[in-house]
Amino acid sequence: MTDFTTERSLLRDGLGLVELSGEVDLYTAPRFKEDLVGLIETGVEAIVIDLSRVTFIDSTALGVIIGGVKRMRERDGRLAIVAGSRPVVRILDITGLDKVLTVFDTRAEALADL
């Protein structure tokens, strides 16, 4: 089992980052949600969720991401996903979420777009 970590930070005024690593599943998704909602509540205009070090992601985690997208859209904000790891890219492709979410291969690409 890979250790799960989640870390939130402000990169600059109005831009937040949630960086995850390990397995994001039913057990760890609540910590992810806490960090994501916490950032949204600070009033940021854009958030990057960096999943490049995630080894596994399940439907619970996808639900957290979709909830974050909805919350940001309600505030006219933006949310970008960095899906550099194969497991994340695969699940986004299988579910079709790669067509709905703003997905980038690298954090640099996501930041350049926001």
Protein backbone atom coordinates (compact mmCIF):
# COMPACT_ATOMS: atom_id res chain seq x y z
CA MET A 1 0.00 0.00 0.00
CA THR A 2 1.26 3.44 -0.92
CA ASP A 3 1.09 6.12 1.75
CA PHE A 4 -1.49 8.77 0.99
CA THR A 5 -0.69 12.45 1.36
CA THR A 6 -2.64 15.58 0.58
CA GLU A 7 -1.32 19.09 0.81
CA ARG A 8 -3.00 22.38 0.01
CA SER A 9 -1.32 25.69 -0.60
CA LEU A 10 -1.71 29.09 -2.20
CA LEU A 11 0.66 29.50 -5.13
CA ARG A 12 -0.21 33.15 -5.61
CA ASP A 13 -3.14 35.41 -4.84
CA GLY A 14 -6.30 33.70 -6.08
CA LEU A 15 -4.59 30.44 -7.15
CA GLY A 16 -4.65 27.35 -5.00
CA LEU A 17 -3.01 23.94 -5.29
CA VAL A 18 -4.01 20.57 -3.90
CA GLU A 19 -1.23 18.04 -4.35
CA LEU A 20 -1.99 14.37 -3.76
CA SER A 21 0.11 11.21 -3.72
CA GLY A 22 -0.60 7.54 -3.15
CA GLU A 23 -4.03 5.95 -3.24
CA VAL A 24 -7.09 8.21 -3.28
CA ASP A 25 -10.06 6.04 -2.34
CA LEU A 26 -13.03 5.69 -0.02
CA TYR A 27 -10.76 5.96 3.02
CA THR A 28 -8.53 8.85 1.94
CA ALA A 29 -10.96 10.91 -0.17
CA PRO A 30 -12.43 12.71 2.89
CA ARG A 31 -8.99 14.26 3.60
CA PHE A 32 -8.73 15.28 -0.06
CA LYS A 33 -12.22 16.82 0.11
CA GLU A 34 -11.32 18.72 3.28
CA ASP A 35 -8.29 20.29 1.57
CA LEU A 36 -10.18 21.07 -1.64
CA VAL A 37 -13.20 22.63 0.08
CA GLY A 38 -10.90 24.50 2.46
CA LEU A 39 -9.16 26.14 -0.49
CA ILE A 40 -12.43 26.95 -2.24
CA GLU A 41 -13.72 28.61 0.92
CA THR A 42 -10.70 30.93 0.99
CA GLY A 43 -12.12 32.51 -2.16
CA VAL A 44 -9.51 31.42 -4.69
CA GLU A 45 -10.39 31.99 -8.34
CA ALA A 46 -8.61 28.91 -9.64
CA ILE A 47 -7.36 25.59 -8.27
CA VAL A 48 -4.94 23.04 -9.65
CA ILE A 49 -5.39 19.47 -8.40
CA ASP A 50 -2.09 17.71 -8.99
CA LEU A 51 -2.62 13.95 -9.28
CA SER A 52 0.72 13.21 -10.93
CA ARG A 53 1.93 11.16 -7.93
CA VAL A 54 -1.35 9.28 -7.44
CA THR A 55 -1.07 5.49 -7.86
CA PHE A 56 -4.80 4.66 -7.60
CA ILE A 57 -8.03 6.65 -7.77
CA ASP A 58 -11.58 5.42 -7.27
CA SER A 59 -15.10 6.75 -7.80
CA THR A 60 -15.14 8.41 -4.37
CA ALA A 61 -12.17 10.56 -5.35
CA LEU A 62 -13.76 11.33 -8.72
CA GLY A 63 -16.85 12.49 -6.83
CA VAL A 64 -14.71 14.89 -4.79
CA ILE A 65 -13.24 16.30 -8.01
CA ILE A 66 -16.67 16.71 -9.63
CA GLY A 67 -17.96 18.39 -6.47
CA GLY A 68 -14.99 20.77 -6.59
CA VAL A 69 -15.69 21.62 -10.23
CA LYS A 70 -19.32 22.42 -9.38
CA ARG A 71 -18.35 24.61 -6.42
CA MET A 72 -15.80 26.51 -8.50
CA ARG A 73 -18.26 27.02 -11.38
CA GLU A 74 -20.82 28.44 -8.94
CA ARG A 75 -18.19 31.05 -8.05
CA ASP A 76 -17.13 31.63 -11.68
CA GLY A 77 -13.84 29.96 -10.82
CA ARG A 78 -11.74 27.38 -12.62
CA LEU A 79 -10.38 24.00 -11.65
CA ALA A 80 -7.63 22.17 -13.55
CA ILE A 81 -6.42 18.60 -13.11
CA VAL A 82 -2.84 17.42 -13.55
CA ALA A 83 -3.13 13.76 -14.51
CA GLY A 84 0.42 12.76 -15.24
CA SER A 85 0.17 9.25 -13.81
CA ARG A 86 -1.09 6.33 -15.88
CA PRO A 87 -3.73 5.13 -13.37
CA VAL A 88 -5.33 8.59 -13.27
CA VAL A 89 -5.21 9.12 -17.03
CA ARG A 90 -6.78 5.70 -17.55
CA ILE A 91 -9.70 6.23 -15.14
CA LEU A 92 -10.43 9.69 -16.54
CA ASP A 93 -10.45 8.19 -20.03
CA ILE A 94 -12.65 5.22 -19.09
CA THR A 95 -15.20 7.43 -17.33
CA GLY A 96 -15.15 10.12 -20.02
CA LEU A 97 -14.23 12.73 -17.44
CA ASP A 98 -11.21 13.71 -19.52
CA LYS A 99 -13.75 15.29 -21.92
CA VAL A 100 -15.53 17.21 -19.14
CA LEU A 101 -12.64 18.28 -16.90
CA THR A 102 -9.74 20.53 -17.80
CA VAL A 103 -6.87 18.01 -17.76
CA PHE A 104 -3.15 18.63 -18.26
CA ASP A 105 -0.10 16.36 -18.39
CA THR A 106 2.06 18.61 -16.20
CA ARG A 107 1.62 21.18 -13.46
CA ALA A 108 3.50 23.74 -15.59
CA GLU A 109 0.92 23.37 -18.38
CA ALA A 110 -1.96 23.76 -15.94
CA LEU A 111 -0.46 26.86 -14.34
CA ALA A 112 0.24 28.42 -17.74
CA ASP A 113 -3.44 28.01 -18.64
CA LEU A 114 -4.85 29.62 -15.48
